[in-house]
Amino acid sequence: MRKSIDIEFVRRFGENLRRIRKSKNCSMEQLAHKSNMEYSQISRIERGQINTSISTAKVLADALEVEVHQLFNFSN
């Protein structure tokens, strides 16, 4: 079975991550440090260039001190 990627969903997830990060007054550099991730990976996620894993979403949520479901809470 072929894996399908919803590009619009990935883009909206990234936009929501950026919105939450900024609402926490957290820079990408700070988020990278808190999550032990590369700055470039966070940048690619926020720009919707990569489809991140659920475990990475959890790491990002923990670093931002939000529930993981908030990262997926965006309008259709």
C-alpha atoms as a PDB file:
ATOM      1  CA  MET A   1       0.000   0.000   0.000  1.00  0.00           C
ATOM      2  CA  ARG A   2       1.330   3.429  -0.959  1.00  0.00           C
ATOM      3  CA  LYS A   3       1.689   6.118   1.692  1.00  0.00           C
ATOM      4  CA  SER A   4      -0.227   9.304   0.937  1.00  0.00           C
ATOM      5  CA  ILE A   5       0.830  12.713   2.259  1.00  0.00           C
ATOM      6  CA  ASP A   6      -1.721  15.505   2.668  1.00  0.00           C
ATOM      7  CA  ILE A   7       0.465  18.483   1.775  1.00  0.00           C
ATOM      8  CA  GLU A   8      -2.116  21.019   2.940  1.00  0.00           C
ATOM      9  CA  PHE A   9      -2.389  19.311   6.350  1.00  0.00           C
ATOM     10  CA  VAL A  10       1.402  19.300   6.733  1.00  0.00           C
ATOM     11  CA  ARG A  11       1.526  23.002   5.825  1.00  0.00           C
ATOM     12  CA  ARG A  12      -1.227  23.915   8.298  1.00  0.00           C
ATOM     13  CA  PHE A  13       0.447  21.884  11.059  1.00  0.00           C
ATOM     14  CA  GLY A  14       3.627  23.892  10.506  1.00  0.00           C
ATOM     15  CA  GLU A  15       1.774  27.192  10.537  1.00  0.00           C
ATOM     16  CA  ASN A  16       0.079  26.219  13.787  1.00  0.00           C
ATOM     17  CA  LEU A  17       3.390  25.184  15.335  1.00  0.00           C
ATOM     18  CA  ARG A  18       4.808  28.608  14.405  1.00  0.00           C
ATOM     19  CA  ARG A  19       1.758  30.394  15.831  1.00  0.00           C
ATOM     20  CA  ILE A  20       2.020  28.515  19.144  1.00  0.00           C
ATOM     21  CA  ARG A  21       5.794  29.001  19.328  1.00  0.00           C
ATOM     22  CA  LYS A  22       5.441  32.745  18.790  1.00  0.00           C
ATOM     23  CA  SER A  23       2.581  32.995  21.308  1.00  0.00           C
ATOM     24  CA  LYS A  24       5.025  31.542  23.848  1.00  0.00           C
ATOM     25  CA  ASN A  25       7.632  34.166  22.859  1.00  0.00           C
ATOM     26  CA  CYS A  26       9.948  31.345  21.879  1.00  0.00           C
ATOM     27  CA  SER A  27      12.393  31.679  19.006  1.00  0.00           C
ATOM     28  CA  MET A  28      13.189  28.792  16.701  1.00  0.00           C
ATOM     29  CA  GLU A  29      16.651  28.709  18.254  1.00  0.00           C
ATOM     30  CA  GLN A  30      15.165  28.394  21.742  1.00  0.00           C
ATOM     31  CA  LEU A  31      12.756  25.682  20.585  1.00  0.00           C
ATOM     32  CA  ALA A  32      15.609  23.804  18.947  1.00  0.00           C
ATOM     33  CA  HIS A  33      17.551  23.896  22.203  1.00  0.00           C
ATOM     34  CA  LYS A  34      14.561  22.881  24.367  1.00  0.00           C
ATOM     35  CA  SER A  35      13.596  20.021  22.062  1.00  0.00           C
ATOM     36  CA  ASN A  36      17.151  18.881  21.267  1.00  0.00           C
ATOM     37  CA  MET A  37      16.397  19.242  17.559  1.00  0.00           C
ATOM     38  CA  GLU A  38      18.174  21.024  14.751  1.00  0.00           C
ATOM     39  CA  TYR A  39      17.028  24.575  13.989  1.00  0.00           C
ATOM     40  CA  SER A  40      16.792  23.631  10.311  1.00  0.00           C
ATOM     41  CA  GLN A  41      14.404  20.766  11.064  1.00  0.00           C
ATOM     42  CA  ILE A  42      12.062  23.046  12.998  1.00  0.00           C
ATOM     43  CA  SER A  43      12.240  25.560  10.169  1.00  0.00           C
ATOM     44  CA  ARG A  44      11.307  22.894   7.601  1.00  0.00           C
ATOM     45  CA  ILE A  45       8.401  21.693   9.764  1.00  0.00           C
ATOM     46  CA  GLU A  46       7.072  25.233  10.190  1.00  0.00           C
ATOM     47  CA  ARG A  47       7.302  25.859   6.442  1.00  0.00           C
ATOM     48  CA  GLY A  48       5.458  22.629   5.707  1.00  0.00           C
ATOM     49  CA  GLN A  49       8.397  21.139   3.847  1.00  0.00           C
ATOM     50  CA  ILE A  50       8.571  17.924   5.857  1.00  0.00           C
ATOM     51  CA  ASN A  51       5.961  15.601   7.288  1.00  0.00           C
ATOM     52  CA  THR A  52       7.047  15.195  10.892  1.00  0.00           C
ATOM     53  CA  SER A  53       6.429  12.122  13.030  1.00  0.00           C
ATOM     54  CA  ILE A  54       4.011  11.861  15.922  1.00  0.00           C
ATOM     55  CA  SER A  55       6.918  11.357  18.330  1.00  0.00           C
ATOM     56  CA  THR A  56       8.527  14.590  17.080  1.00  0.00           C
ATOM     57  CA  ALA A  57       5.207  16.402  17.557  1.00  0.00           C
ATOM     58  CA  LYS A  58       5.209  15.172  21.168  1.00  0.00           C
ATOM     59  CA  VAL A  59       8.771  16.417  21.721  1.00  0.00           C
ATOM     60  CA  LEU A  60       7.827  19.833  20.304  1.00  0.00           C
ATOM     61  CA  ALA A  61       4.667  20.020  22.427  1.00  0.00           C
ATOM     62  CA  ASP A  62       6.636  19.155  25.554  1.00  0.00           C
ATOM     63  CA  ALA A  63       9.244  21.800  24.745  1.00  0.00           C
ATOM     64  CA  LEU A  64       6.494  24.393  24.247  1.00  0.00           C
ATOM     65  CA  GLU A  65       4.670  23.198  27.380  1.00  0.00           C
ATOM     66  CA  VAL A  66       1.399  22.507  25.555  1.00  0.00           C
ATOM     67  CA  GLU A  67      -0.672  19.385  25.059  1.00  0.00           C
ATOM     68  CA  VAL A  68       0.249  17.615  21.823  1.00  0.00           C
ATOM     69  CA  HIS A  69      -3.327  17.867  20.543  1.00  0.00           C
ATOM     70  CA  GLN A  70      -2.952  21.665  20.454  1.00  0.00           C
ATOM     71  CA  LEU A  71      -0.439  21.304  17.627  1.00  0.00           C
ATOM     72  CA  PHE A  72      -3.165  19.606  15.594  1.00  0.00           C
ATOM     73  CA  ASN A  73      -5.904  22.056  16.575  1.00  0.00           C
ATOM     74  CA  PHE A  74      -6.304  24.158  13.440  1.00  0.00           C
ATOM     75  CA  SER A  75      -9.306  24.960  11.249  1.00  0.00           C
ATOM     76  CA  ASN A  76      -9.940  23.140   8.003  1.00  0.00           C
END
